[in-house]
């Protein structure tokens, strides 16, 4: 503080600077020391902005020069840029934006009473802090969570601040916690006109940016970062979503997929990564007495005011990705509701209100015909690889006209469709499915990738929790891949790694055989011909001189001992 006294008193003798800093301890502010200089944290800057009758332009500049983070939050959740925007401090807004303040940061403050309960502070103290250190013109009961500086500038009806924030990159389409954009709070006038103008420009820029990103990073490539194998499923889903993203789709009907295959082959992770939108999982109901939970109970019944699971989700997000898991187990009345949903693109809830969902994507999963898919997996995989190679070569005409890309069509018509028709007994329901996607059992190379991914997961855990470096040899991957079970998919690999690797690590750690910061190597113990025992895994501690010693892990004692 003496350092600040000298600098401020020497350069600005007529400004009551000390009175500003004298109030810092009263506000619970602390001074931090860095080498010879002293500077105040971001809360000091917030206080400086609020006390306008003491305000001078150079103080925020000096504080920022001293290393203060312009995005630091007040203890109740707001930032300096929000304070400046609400109080029309144009020079301060310019300083903060030039210093790197984020105009799209949302406020963590909701209202006085919620914040008081969350922070454990008396509501009167929160109210006084909000009025003295932010603004006294806002309601203490209204919700402000998620409001950005642009929201506050609009509430202050300050067109100049609105334009400054928008030109600095503020998102005019960003919603607060109540789902309102800044324009929802604008009065008729210049501020509303500026927001409307920049909304159109922002949408155009965003559309060009997304189109460029899709060209540079096709959906197929992005999906392959998360999904192992399943070339056919990736190609089919990516083609359908590409049509939708570029406007080449039927606007009267939603996209409907049916994912077929055995358990644990990536259906659910696939739908989570296939579309950048809100994703909901709805388990179809098996009993007729529970069908009302889907769309809501009729008037006079319990739960009428709560609404249905599906209708509430679609009302909140009409363009969501909705997963119907294990749809083959659903009650026939649920299929009737789903038929209306797929055919008309809308749904009527228990209150009689119609919910439009033509922009949604619906994905159904089923284990039907998983054995038949496994039997034809080799041919289907070869076809998918042909399609993928030709797409990489940008030879799309050959992909569509090639004679060797008809296996899946013949398989669908001669094998899959009769099975589906015998189960659902509704041609109109099957006719509304845009694409039937097959998830094939994993081949050996894909199993090696799965094992490697699982081992990397546990190696990261070992490093973070215990400081242990975990390594393994190539034969370890082959041995663990042998634990694959077609009926359980990738889950069987996960369980095999836990059973044969993680159990040994836990036992060795419990017996204090693992030095801190050591390097462990997984190796395969060769088969003993005399005892005819199967190959097993063993743990070796690798020394600094690359020498290794095998850990002697004692098996746990049985209850009889």
Protein backbone atom coordinates (compact mmCIF):
# COMPACT_ATOMS: atom_id res chain seq x y z
CA UNK A 1 0.00 0.00 0.00
CA UNK A 2 2.82 2.52 0.67
CA UNK A 3 4.07 1.77 -2.84
CA UNK A 4 0.67 2.78 -4.24
CA UNK A 5 0.55 5.88 -2.00
CA UNK A 6 3.81 7.17 -3.43
CA UNK A 7 2.90 6.49 -7.05
CA UNK A 8 -0.62 7.88 -6.88
CA UNK A 9 0.17 10.87 -4.68
CA UNK A 10 3.08 11.84 -6.88
CA UNK A 11 1.22 11.72 -10.19
CA UNK A 12 -2.35 12.60 -9.17
CA UNK A 13 -2.21 14.77 -6.02
CA UNK A 14 -5.76 16.10 -6.34
CA UNK A 15 -7.56 12.73 -6.44
CA UNK A 16 -8.88 11.13 -3.29
CA UNK A 17 -7.23 7.84 -4.09
CA UNK A 18 -6.53 6.83 -0.53
CA UNK A 19 -10.21 7.03 0.34
CA UNK A 20 -10.90 4.39 -2.29
CA UNK A 21 -8.29 2.00 -0.96
CA UNK A 22 -9.25 2.72 2.65
CA UNK A 23 -12.57 1.01 1.96
CA UNK A 24 -10.90 -2.16 0.64
CA UNK A 25 -10.45 -3.84 4.07
CA UNK A 26 -14.09 -3.10 4.88
CA UNK A 27 -15.09 -5.06 1.79
CA UNK A 28 -13.00 -8.06 2.77
CA UNK A 29 -10.32 -7.38 0.16
CA UNK A 30 -6.77 -8.60 0.63
CA UNK A 31 -3.48 -7.30 -0.68
CA UNK A 32 -1.05 -9.72 -2.34
CA UNK A 33 2.66 -9.07 -2.76
CA UNK A 34 4.62 -9.93 -5.89
CA UNK A 35 8.35 -9.10 -5.66
CA UNK A 36 8.56 -5.38 -4.82
CA UNK A 37 5.18 -4.34 -6.17
CA UNK A 38 1.82 -4.67 -4.44
CA UNK A 39 -1.44 -5.09 -6.27
CA UNK A 40 -5.03 -5.82 -5.38
CA UNK A 41 -7.06 -8.71 -6.69
CA UNK A 42 -9.94 -8.33 -9.11
CA UNK A 43 -12.43 -7.47 -6.37
CA UNK A 44 -10.55 -4.19 -5.86
CA UNK A 45 -11.07 -3.32 -9.50
CA UNK A 46 -14.78 -4.09 -9.13
CA UNK A 47 -15.03 -1.74 -6.15
CA UNK A 48 -13.18 0.97 -8.07
CA UNK A 49 -15.70 0.72 -10.89
CA UNK A 50 -18.66 1.02 -8.53
CA UNK A 51 -17.56 4.06 -6.55
CA UNK A 52 -18.14 6.39 -9.47
CA UNK A 53 -17.75 9.58 -7.50
CA UNK A 54 -14.16 8.56 -6.76
CA UNK A 55 -13.61 6.96 -10.15
CA UNK A 56 -10.66 7.87 -12.35
CA UNK A 57 -9.75 6.24 -15.62
CA UNK A 58 -6.15 5.42 -14.75
CA UNK A 59 -6.95 3.09 -11.82
CA UNK A 60 -8.24 0.14 -13.89
CA UNK A 61 -5.36 0.69 -16.31
CA UNK A 62 -2.83 0.53 -13.49
CA UNK A 63 -4.46 -2.50 -11.90
CA UNK A 64 -4.47 -4.36 -15.21
CA UNK A 65 -0.84 -3.40 -15.78
CA UNK A 66 -0.01 -4.83 -12.36
CA UNK A 67 -1.21 -8.26 -13.51
CA UNK A 68 -4.84 -8.34 -12.40
CA UNK A 69 -6.98 -10.88 -14.28
CA UNK A 70 -9.83 -8.97 -16.01
CA UNK A 71 -12.00 -12.11 -15.97
CA UNK A 72 -11.70 -12.70 -12.23
CA UNK A 73 -15.07 -12.99 -10.51
CA UNK A 74 -16.45 -11.19 -7.51
CA UNK A 75 -17.15 -13.49 -4.57
CA UNK A 76 -20.86 -13.37 -5.49
CA UNK A 77 -20.30 -14.30 -9.13
CA UNK A 78 -20.09 -11.28 -11.44
CA UNK A 79 -17.11 -9.80 -13.29
CA UNK A 80 -15.77 -6.27 -13.74
CA UNK A 81 -17.03 -6.07 -17.32
CA UNK A 82 -20.59 -6.72 -16.14
CA UNK A 83 -20.29 -3.95 -13.53
CA UNK A 84 -18.93 -1.51 -16.10
CA UNK A 85 -21.64 -2.42 -18.62
CA UNK A 86 -24.43 -1.98 -16.09
CA UNK A 87 -23.07 1.41 -14.94
CA UNK A 88 -22.22 2.79 -18.41
CA UNK A 89 -18.49 3.08 -17.76
CA UNK A 90 -17.45 3.25 -21.41
CA UNK A 91 -13.78 4.03 -20.83
CA UNK A 92 -13.49 1.14 -18.38
CA UNK A 93 -15.23 -1.22 -20.82
CA UNK A 94 -12.65 -0.29 -23.44
CA UNK A 95 -9.79 -0.93 -21.01
CA UNK A 96 -11.17 -4.30 -19.92
CA UNK A 97 -11.88 -5.50 -23.47
CA UNK A 98 -8.37 -4.53 -24.57
CA UNK A 99 -7.00 -6.41 -21.54
CA UNK A 100 -8.78 -9.61 -22.64
CA UNK A 101 -12.06 -9.55 -20.73
CA UNK A 102 -14.48 -12.15 -22.09
CA UNK A 103 -17.80 -10.53 -23.12
CA UNK A 104 -19.53 -13.94 -23.23
CA UNK A 105 -18.88 -14.91 -19.60
CA UNK A 106 -22.12 -15.56 -17.72
CA UNK A 107 -22.97 -14.26 -14.27
CA UNK A 108 -23.01 -16.82 -11.43
CA UNK A 109 -25.27 -14.59 -9.33
CA UNK A 110 -28.92 -15.64 -9.50
CA UNK A 111 -30.89 -13.61 -6.97
CA UNK A 112 -30.34 -12.44 -3.41
CA UNK A 113 -32.03 -15.36 -1.69
CA UNK A 114 -30.60 -18.17 -3.84
CA UNK A 115 -27.10 -16.72 -3.62
CA UNK A 116 -27.45 -16.30 0.14
CA UNK A 117 -28.36 -19.96 0.49
CA UNK A 118 -25.61 -21.16 -1.88
CA UNK A 119 -22.81 -19.07 -0.35
CA UNK A 120 -23.92 -19.36 3.27
CA UNK A 121 -24.09 -15.57 3.62
CA UNK A 122 -26.89 -13.60 5.25
CA UNK A 123 -29.38 -12.33 2.68
CA UNK A 124 -29.07 -8.74 3.94
CA UNK A 125 -25.30 -8.81 3.37
CA UNK A 126 -25.83 -10.17 -0.15
CA UNK A 127 -28.42 -7.47 -0.86
CA UNK A 128 -26.13 -4.69 0.35
CA UNK A 129 -23.20 -6.07 -1.67
CA UNK A 130 -25.32 -6.34 -4.80
CA UNK A 131 -26.59 -2.78 -4.50
CA UNK A 132 -23.31 -1.17 -3.40
CA UNK A 133 -20.87 -3.16 -5.54
CA UNK A 134 -22.94 -3.83 -8.65
CA UNK A 135 -26.12 -1.79 -9.12
CA UNK A 136 -29.13 -0.71 -7.09
CA UNK A 137 -31.39 -0.55 -10.15
CA UNK A 138 -32.00 -4.30 -10.43
CA UNK A 139 -34.63 -6.37 -8.66
CA UNK A 140 -33.42 -8.49 -5.76
CA UNK A 141 -35.85 -11.28 -6.67
CA UNK A 142 -35.27 -11.54 -10.43
CA UNK A 143 -32.95 -14.28 -11.73
CA UNK A 144 -29.71 -13.13 -13.35
CA UNK A 145 -27.76 -16.40 -13.58
CA UNK A 146 -26.08 -16.70 -16.98
CA UNK A 147 -26.52 -13.02 -17.88
CA UNK A 148 -23.56 -11.64 -19.81
CA UNK A 149 -22.26 -8.08 -20.01
CA UNK A 150 -24.43 -7.71 -23.11
CA UNK A 151 -27.54 -8.59 -21.10
CA UNK A 152 -26.67 -5.95 -18.50
CA UNK A 153 -25.89 -3.31 -21.11
CA UNK A 154 -29.30 -4.00 -22.64
CA UNK A 155 -30.99 -3.74 -19.24
CA UNK A 156 -29.22 -0.41 -18.75
CA UNK A 157 -30.54 0.66 -22.20
CA UNK A 158 -27.08 1.79 -23.29
CA UNK A 159 -26.71 1.46 -27.11
CA UNK A 160 -23.07 2.59 -27.03
CA UNK A 161 -22.04 -0.19 -24.64
CA UNK A 162 -24.11 -2.71 -26.59
CA UNK A 163 -22.27 -1.82 -29.79
CA UNK A 164 -18.86 -1.91 -28.09
CA UNK A 165 -19.51 -5.40 -26.72
CA UNK A 166 -20.86 -6.72 -30.02
CA UNK A 167 -17.89 -5.37 -31.95
CA UNK A 168 -15.61 -7.07 -29.39
CA UNK A 169 -17.17 -10.48 -30.14
CA UNK A 170 -20.14 -10.72 -27.78
CA UNK A 171 -22.63 -13.39 -28.85
CA UNK A 172 -26.08 -11.78 -29.34
CA UNK A 173 -27.71 -15.24 -29.43
CA UNK A 174 -26.35 -16.39 -26.06
CA UNK A 175 -29.12 -17.14 -23.57
CA UNK A 176 -29.10 -16.69 -19.82
CA UNK A 177 -30.33 -19.18 -17.24
CA UNK A 178 -33.95 -18.32 -18.07
CA UNK A 179 -33.41 -18.98 -21.78
CA UNK A 180 -33.57 -15.29 -22.84
CA UNK A 181 -31.18 -13.54 -25.19
CA UNK A 182 -30.16 -9.92 -24.69
CA UNK A 183 -32.76 -8.69 -27.21
CA UNK A 184 -35.54 -10.07 -25.01
CA UNK A 185 -34.72 -7.32 -22.49
CA UNK A 186 -34.30 -4.51 -25.02
CA UNK A 187 -36.68 -1.59 -25.24
CA UNK A 188 -37.78 -0.25 -28.59
CA UNK A 189 -35.03 1.97 -29.84
CA UNK A 190 -31.40 2.01 -30.93
CA UNK A 191 -30.24 -0.83 -28.66
CA UNK A 192 -32.87 -3.21 -30.04
CA UNK A 193 -31.99 -2.23 -33.61
CA UNK A 194 -28.27 -2.82 -33.02
CA UNK A 195 -28.93 -6.23 -31.48
CA UNK A 196 -31.18 -7.29 -34.34
CA UNK A 197 -28.58 -6.18 -36.89
CA UNK A 198 -25.75 -8.08 -35.21
CA UNK A 199 -27.87 -11.20 -34.70
CA UNK A 200 -28.20 -11.58 -38.47
CA UNK A 201 -24.48 -10.97 -39.00
CA UNK A 202 -23.56 -13.41 -36.23
CA UNK A 203 -25.75 -16.14 -37.71
CA UNK A 204 -24.13 -15.69 -41.13
CA UNK A 205 -20.62 -15.82 -39.68
CA UNK A 206 -21.50 -18.84 -37.54
CA UNK A 207 -22.99 -20.67 -40.54
CA UNK A 208 -19.85 -20.02 -42.61
CA UNK A 209 -17.62 -21.13 -39.75
CA UNK A 210 -19.59 -24.35 -39.24
CA UNK A 211 -19.59 -25.08 -42.98
CA UNK A 212 -15.84 -24.56 -43.14
CA UNK A 213 -15.35 -26.80 -40.11
CA UNK A 214 -17.47 -29.53 -41.70
CA UNK A 215 -15.38 -29.33 -44.87
CA UNK A 216 -12.08 -29.46 -43.01
CA UNK A 217 -13.17 -32.07 -40.48
CA UNK A 218 -15.85 -34.35 -41.98
CA UNK A 219 -18.23 -36.04 -39.58
CA UNK A 220 -16.75 -39.44 -40.44
CA UNK A 221 -13.33 -38.34 -39.22
CA UNK A 222 -14.73 -36.84 -36.02
CA UNK A 223 -16.71 -39.98 -35.23
CA UNK A 224 -13.68 -42.21 -35.73
CA UNK A 225 -11.92 -40.32 -32.93
CA UNK A 226 -14.45 -41.80 -30.48
CA UNK A 227 -15.77 -44.95 -32.15
CA UNK A 228 -13.58 -47.99 -32.87
CA UNK A 229 -14.54 -49.87 -36.01
CA UNK A 230 -18.15 -49.72 -37.28
CA UNK A 231 -17.25 -48.26 -40.70
CA UNK A 232 -20.70 -49.02 -42.11
CA UNK A 233 -22.53 -47.37 -39.23
CA UNK A 234 -20.32 -44.27 -39.45
CA UNK A 235 -20.85 -43.90 -43.20
CA UNK A 236 -24.62 -44.36 -43.00
CA UNK A 237 -25.23 -41.97 -40.11
CA UNK A 238 -22.80 -39.34 -41.40
CA UNK A 239 -24.50 -39.28 -44.80
CA UNK A 240 -27.96 -38.80 -43.26
CA UNK A 241 -26.82 -36.06 -40.88
CA UNK A 242 -24.92 -34.31 -43.69
CA UNK A 243 -28.17 -34.09 -45.65
CA UNK A 244 -29.91 -32.56 -42.64
CA UNK A 245 -27.16 -30.06 -41.82
CA UNK A 246 -27.07 -28.76 -45.40
CA UNK A 247 -30.84 -28.48 -45.83
CA UNK A 248 -31.35 -31.53 -48.09
CA UNK A 249 -33.99 -33.30 -46.04
CA UNK A 250 -37.75 -33.64 -45.64
CA UNK A 251 -38.80 -30.80 -43.35
CA UNK A 252 -42.11 -32.49 -42.51
CA UNK A 253 -40.58 -35.58 -40.90
CA UNK A 254 -37.77 -36.11 -38.38
CA UNK A 255 -34.77 -38.34 -39.03
CA UNK A 256 -35.25 -41.86 -37.62
CA UNK A 257 -32.49 -44.46 -37.19
CA UNK A 258 -32.64 -48.05 -36.00
CA UNK A 259 -29.35 -49.35 -34.58
CA UNK A 260 -29.12 -53.14 -34.62
CA UNK A 261 -26.47 -55.28 -33.00
CA UNK A 262 -25.43 -57.08 -29.86
CA UNK A 263 -24.82 -55.40 -26.52
CA UNK A 264 -21.66 -53.38 -25.88
CA UNK A 265 -20.71 -52.57 -29.48
CA UNK A 266 -20.97 -48.79 -29.33
CA UNK A 267 -24.60 -47.86 -30.07
CA UNK A 268 -24.97 -45.47 -27.14
CA UNK A 269 -21.49 -43.85 -27.36
CA UNK A 270 -22.16 -43.46 -31.09
CA UNK A 271 -25.34 -41.44 -30.62
CA UNK A 272 -23.62 -39.22 -28.03
CA UNK A 273 -20.93 -38.18 -30.55
CA UNK A 274 -22.90 -38.23 -33.79
CA UNK A 275 -24.64 -34.89 -33.45
CA UNK A 276 -23.64 -31.70 -31.67
CA UNK A 277 -26.92 -31.12 -29.88
CA UNK A 278 -28.72 -31.98 -26.67
CA UNK A 279 -29.09 -35.75 -26.27
CA UNK A 280 -31.70 -37.49 -24.15
CA UNK A 281 -32.14 -41.17 -23.40
CA UNK A 282 -35.71 -42.41 -23.00
CA UNK A 283 -36.27 -46.03 -22.04
CA UNK A 284 -39.48 -47.30 -23.68
CA UNK A 285 -42.06 -48.44 -21.15
CA UNK A 286 -43.00 -52.08 -21.00
CA UNK A 287 -46.38 -51.95 -19.20
CA UNK A 288 -49.64 -50.45 -20.44
CA UNK A 289 -50.13 -48.81 -17.01
CA UNK A 290 -46.92 -46.80 -17.52
CA UNK A 291 -47.60 -45.50 -21.02
CA UNK A 292 -48.97 -42.25 -19.54
CA UNK A 293 -45.43 -41.43 -18.35
CA UNK A 294 -44.46 -41.02 -21.98
CA UNK A 295 -46.85 -38.16 -22.86
CA UNK A 296 -48.30 -37.28 -19.44
CA UNK A 297 -51.37 -38.33 -17.48
CA UNK A 298 -54.81 -37.18 -18.68
CA UNK A 299 -56.81 -34.63 -16.63
CA UNK A 300 -57.98 -35.92 -13.27
CA UNK A 301 -55.17 -38.44 -12.88
CA UNK A 302 -52.10 -38.31 -10.68
CA UNK A 303 -49.15 -36.63 -12.39
CA UNK A 304 -51.21 -34.56 -14.84
CA UNK A 305 -49.40 -31.33 -13.94
CA UNK A 306 -45.95 -32.93 -14.19
CA UNK A 307 -46.24 -33.82 -17.88
CA UNK A 308 -44.61 -36.72 -19.70
CA UNK A 309 -40.96 -37.69 -19.96
CA UNK A 310 -40.79 -37.37 -23.72
CA UNK A 311 -43.05 -34.33 -24.16
CA UNK A 312 -41.13 -32.28 -21.59
CA UNK A 313 -37.82 -33.04 -23.29
CA UNK A 314 -39.06 -32.19 -26.77
CA UNK A 315 -40.72 -29.00 -25.58
CA UNK A 316 -37.46 -27.82 -24.02
CA UNK A 317 -35.35 -28.77 -27.06
CA UNK A 318 -37.30 -29.40 -30.31
CA UNK A 319 -34.11 -30.28 -32.23
CA UNK A 320 -32.75 -32.77 -29.70
CA UNK A 321 -31.31 -36.21 -30.33
CA UNK A 322 -33.60 -38.70 -28.57
CA UNK A 323 -32.52 -42.30 -27.94
CA UNK A 324 -35.12 -45.04 -27.46
CA UNK A 325 -33.05 -47.78 -25.88
CA UNK A 326 -34.11 -51.44 -26.34
CA UNK A 327 -37.16 -50.48 -28.36
CA UNK A 328 -37.96 -54.13 -29.06
CA UNK A 329 -39.15 -54.44 -25.44
CA UNK A 330 -41.57 -51.52 -25.66
CA UNK A 331 -45.32 -51.94 -25.20
CA UNK A 332 -47.38 -51.88 -28.46
CA UNK A 333 -49.16 -48.70 -27.30
CA UNK A 334 -45.79 -46.98 -27.01
CA UNK A 335 -45.07 -47.97 -30.62
CA UNK A 336 -48.34 -46.30 -31.61
CA UNK A 337 -47.20 -43.06 -29.99
CA UNK A 338 -43.82 -43.36 -31.69
CA UNK A 339 -45.50 -43.93 -35.05
CA UNK A 340 -47.36 -40.62 -34.68
CA UNK A 341 -44.10 -38.99 -33.67
CA UNK A 342 -42.20 -40.31 -36.70
CA UNK A 343 -45.02 -39.85 -39.22
CA UNK A 344 -46.33 -36.39 -38.30
CA UNK A 345 -43.31 -34.86 -36.60
CA UNK A 346 -45.37 -33.74 -33.63
CA UNK A 347 -46.81 -35.15 -30.44
CA UNK A 348 -49.86 -34.30 -28.33
CA UNK A 349 -49.29 -34.40 -24.57
CA UNK A 350 -51.74 -35.22 -21.78
CA UNK A 351 -52.82 -31.57 -21.57
CA UNK A 352 -53.84 -31.48 -25.21
CA UNK A 353 -50.91 -29.31 -26.32
CA UNK A 354 -49.10 -30.14 -29.56
CA UNK A 355 -45.29 -30.25 -29.50
CA UNK A 356 -43.49 -29.85 -32.83
CA UNK A 357 -40.35 -31.97 -33.20
CA UNK A 358 -39.73 -32.18 -36.95
CA UNK A 359 -36.13 -31.06 -36.46
CA UNK A 360 -35.34 -33.78 -33.92
CA UNK A 361 -33.33 -36.94 -34.57
CA UNK A 362 -34.68 -40.19 -33.13
CA UNK A 363 -32.44 -43.20 -32.60
CA UNK A 364 -33.78 -46.62 -31.62
CA UNK A 365 -31.54 -49.46 -30.47
CA UNK A 366 -32.39 -53.14 -30.48
CA UNK A 367 -30.71 -56.53 -30.01
CA UNK A 368 -32.98 -58.16 -32.59
CA UNK A 369 -31.13 -60.14 -35.28
CA UNK A 370 -27.77 -59.76 -33.53
CA UNK A 371 -26.88 -63.38 -34.30
CA UNK A 372 -27.71 -62.95 -38.00
CA UNK A 373 -25.62 -59.78 -38.14
CA UNK A 374 -22.68 -61.63 -36.59
CA UNK A 375 -22.96 -64.39 -39.22
CA UNK A 376 -22.77 -61.86 -42.08
CA UNK A 377 -20.24 -59.59 -40.36
CA UNK A 378 -17.35 -60.42 -42.71
CA UNK A 379 -19.23 -59.46 -45.89
CA UNK A 380 -20.73 -56.33 -44.33
CA UNK A 381 -17.34 -55.22 -43.04
CA UNK A 382 -15.70 -55.67 -46.45
CA UNK A 383 -18.44 -53.60 -48.07
CA UNK A 384 -18.05 -50.82 -45.50
CA UNK A 385 -14.29 -50.71 -46.11
CA UNK A 386 -14.88 -50.39 -49.87
CA UNK A 387 -17.24 -47.46 -49.31
CA UNK A 388 -14.80 -45.80 -46.92
CA UNK A 389 -11.86 -46.11 -49.34
CA UNK A 390 -13.85 -44.65 -52.21
CA UNK A 391 -15.05 -41.76 -50.08
CA UNK A 392 -11.48 -40.96 -49.17
CA UNK A 393 -10.71 -40.94 -52.89
CA UNK A 394 -13.73 -38.61 -53.46
CA UNK A 395 -15.13 -41.13 -55.94
CA UNK A 396 -18.75 -40.79 -54.87
CA UNK A 397 -20.28 -41.95 -58.16
CA UNK A 398 -18.58 -45.34 -57.91
CA UNK A 399 -19.79 -45.65 -54.33
CA UNK A 400 -23.39 -45.24 -55.45
CA UNK A 401 -23.17 -47.34 -58.62
CA UNK A 402 -20.75 -50.08 -57.58
CA UNK A 403 -22.07 -53.65 -57.84
CA UNK A 404 -20.13 -54.78 -54.78
CA UNK A 405 -21.99 -52.33 -52.51
CA UNK A 406 -25.27 -54.23 -52.60
CA UNK A 407 -24.61 -56.75 -49.86
CA UNK A 408 -26.20 -54.65 -47.12
CA UNK A 409 -29.31 -54.03 -49.25
CA UNK A 410 -29.80 -57.71 -49.97
CA UNK A 411 -29.08 -58.53 -46.33
CA UNK A 412 -31.63 -55.98 -45.15
CA UNK A 413 -34.38 -57.18 -47.50
CA UNK A 414 -33.85 -60.92 -47.22
CA UNK A 415 -32.73 -61.32 -43.59
CA UNK A 416 -33.33 -58.26 -41.41
CA UNK A 417 -36.69 -56.98 -42.63
CA UNK A 418 -38.52 -60.33 -42.23
CA UNK A 419 -37.24 -60.56 -38.64
CA UNK A 420 -38.35 -56.99 -37.86
CA UNK A 421 -41.72 -57.52 -39.52
CA UNK A 422 -42.32 -60.70 -37.52
CA UNK A 423 -41.51 -58.87 -34.28
CA UNK A 424 -43.24 -55.50 -34.74
CA UNK A 425 -46.01 -56.64 -37.14
CA UNK A 426 -46.37 -53.09 -38.45
CA UNK A 427 -45.20 -52.19 -41.91
CA UNK A 428 -46.16 -48.55 -41.37
CA UNK A 429 -43.84 -48.35 -38.36
CA UNK A 430 -40.89 -49.89 -40.20
CA UNK A 431 -41.60 -47.68 -43.21
CA UNK A 432 -40.88 -44.53 -41.20
CA UNK A 433 -37.31 -45.63 -40.38
CA UNK A 434 -34.88 -43.68 -42.58
CA UNK A 435 -31.83 -45.87 -42.01
CA UNK A 436 -31.23 -49.29 -40.47
CA UNK A 437 -27.66 -49.29 -39.14
CA UNK A 438 -25.77 -52.51 -38.38
CA UNK A 439 -23.19 -52.65 -35.60
CA UNK A 440 -20.88 -55.57 -36.28
CA UNK A 441 -18.83 -57.67 -33.85
CA UNK A 442 -15.27 -56.42 -33.51
CA UNK A 443 -12.47 -57.91 -35.59
CA UNK A 444 -9.04 -58.68 -34.10
CA UNK A 445 -7.41 -55.36 -35.04
CA UNK A 446 -10.32 -53.48 -33.48
CA UNK A 447 -10.05 -55.59 -30.33
CA UNK A 448 -6.39 -54.58 -30.03
CA UNK A 449 -7.47 -50.93 -30.21
CA UNK A 450 -10.07 -51.53 -27.50
CA UNK A 451 -7.53 -53.20 -25.21
CA UNK A 452 -5.01 -50.42 -25.81
CA UNK A 453 -7.65 -47.79 -25.03
CA UNK A 454 -8.61 -49.54 -21.79
CA UNK A 455 -4.97 -49.94 -20.71
CA UNK A 456 -4.31 -46.27 -21.45
CA UNK A 457 -7.26 -45.39 -19.22
CA UNK A 458 -5.80 -47.32 -16.29
CA UNK A 459 -2.27 -46.05 -17.00
CA UNK A 460 -3.58 -42.50 -16.68
CA UNK A 461 -5.30 -43.39 -13.41
CA UNK A 462 -2.11 -45.00 -12.07
CA UNK A 463 -0.09 -41.89 -12.93
CA UNK A 464 -2.58 -39.44 -11.42
CA UNK A 465 -3.41 -41.33 -8.23
CA UNK A 466 -0.19 -43.16 -7.38
CA UNK A 467 2.56 -41.64 -9.55
CA UNK A 468 3.17 -45.02 -11.25
CA UNK A 469 4.18 -45.32 -14.91
CA UNK A 470 2.47 -48.31 -16.51
CA UNK A 471 3.89 -49.89 -19.68
CA UNK A 472 3.05 -53.05 -21.62
CA UNK A 473 4.28 -55.19 -24.48
CA UNK A 474 2.44 -56.11 -27.68
CA UNK A 475 1.74 -59.76 -26.63
CA UNK A 476 -0.23 -58.36 -23.68
CA UNK A 477 -2.75 -56.86 -26.12
CA UNK A 478 -3.20 -60.19 -27.90
CA UNK A 479 -3.67 -62.06 -24.63
CA UNK A 480 -6.29 -59.64 -23.28
CA UNK A 481 -8.10 -59.53 -26.62
CA UNK A 482 -8.72 -63.25 -26.19
CA UNK A 483 -11.23 -62.42 -23.46
CA UNK A 484 -13.65 -60.92 -25.99
CA UNK A 485 -17.23 -62.22 -25.86
CA UNK A 486 -19.36 -61.42 -28.90
CA UNK A 487 -22.56 -61.22 -26.82
CA UNK A 488 -21.18 -58.54 -24.47
CA UNK A 489 -19.02 -56.56 -26.87
CA UNK A 490 -16.53 -54.03 -25.52
CA UNK A 491 -17.75 -54.60 -21.98
CA UNK A 492 -16.12 -58.03 -22.01
CA UNK A 493 -12.75 -56.38 -22.82
CA UNK A 494 -13.25 -53.91 -19.99
CA UNK A 495 -13.99 -56.73 -17.55
CA UNK A 496 -11.02 -58.78 -18.80
CA UNK A 497 -8.61 -55.89 -18.20
CA UNK A 498 -10.02 -55.31 -14.73
CA UNK A 499 -9.82 -59.01 -13.86
CA UNK A 500 -6.31 -59.74 -15.16
CA UNK A 501 -4.52 -56.40 -14.81
CA UNK A 502 -6.23 -54.09 -12.32
CA UNK A 503 -6.66 -56.86 -9.76
CA UNK A 504 -2.90 -57.52 -9.82
CA UNK A 505 -2.14 -53.81 -9.49
CA UNK A 506 -4.47 -53.48 -6.50
CA UNK A 507 -2.98 -56.56 -4.79
CA UNK A 508 0.60 -55.38 -5.37
CA UNK A 509 -0.25 -51.93 -4.01
CA UNK A 510 -1.91 -53.43 -0.93
CA UNK A 511 1.16 -55.61 -0.26
CA UNK A 512 3.42 -52.52 -0.59
CA UNK A 513 5.33 -53.96 -3.54
CA UNK A 514 5.09 -50.80 -5.64
CA UNK A 515 7.68 -48.10 -4.83
CA UNK A 516 6.47 -44.54 -5.24
CA UNK A 517 7.10 -43.19 -8.73
CA UNK A 518 8.19 -46.58 -10.09
CA UNK A 519 7.78 -47.86 -13.64
CA UNK A 520 5.73 -51.04 -14.10
CA UNK A 521 5.78 -53.23 -17.19
CA UNK A 522 3.14 -55.77 -18.12
CA UNK A 523 4.55 -58.88 -19.77
CA UNK A 524 3.21 -62.27 -20.81
CA UNK A 525 4.56 -65.28 -18.97
CA UNK A 526 5.25 -67.93 -21.57
CA UNK A 527 3.27 -71.15 -21.59
CA UNK A 528 4.65 -73.98 -19.41
CA UNK A 529 4.68 -77.11 -21.58
CA UNK A 530 5.15 -79.52 -18.67
CA UNK A 531 2.22 -78.20 -16.65
CA UNK A 532 0.30 -77.20 -19.80
CA UNK A 533 -0.85 -73.98 -18.16
CA UNK A 534 -2.27 -71.10 -20.18
CA UNK A 535 -0.22 -67.90 -20.65
CA UNK A 536 -0.60 -65.40 -17.82
CA UNK A 537 0.29 -61.77 -17.14
CA UNK A 538 3.00 -60.73 -14.75
CA UNK A 539 4.14 -57.36 -13.38
CA UNK A 540 7.76 -56.23 -13.54
CA UNK A 541 9.36 -53.22 -11.85
CA UNK A 542 11.76 -51.51 -14.25
CA UNK A 543 14.80 -49.86 -12.66
CA UNK A 544 16.68 -46.77 -13.79
CA UNK A 545 19.31 -48.98 -15.45
CA UNK A 546 16.54 -50.75 -17.47
CA UNK A 547 16.85 -53.89 -15.36
CA UNK A 548 13.61 -55.48 -14.25
CA UNK A 549 12.43 -57.77 -11.49
CA UNK A 550 9.18 -59.70 -11.36
CA UNK A 551 6.80 -58.91 -8.51
CA UNK A 552 5.91 -61.84 -6.28
CA UNK A 553 2.24 -61.09 -5.59
CA UNK A 554 0.75 -63.36 -2.96
CA UNK A 555 -2.78 -64.57 -3.67
CA UNK A 556 -5.40 -63.49 -1.12
CA UNK A 557 -6.11 -65.96 1.66
CA UNK A 558 -9.32 -67.95 1.38
CA UNK A 559 -11.90 -67.74 4.21
CA UNK A 560 -10.99 -71.32 5.28
CA UNK A 561 -7.51 -70.13 6.29
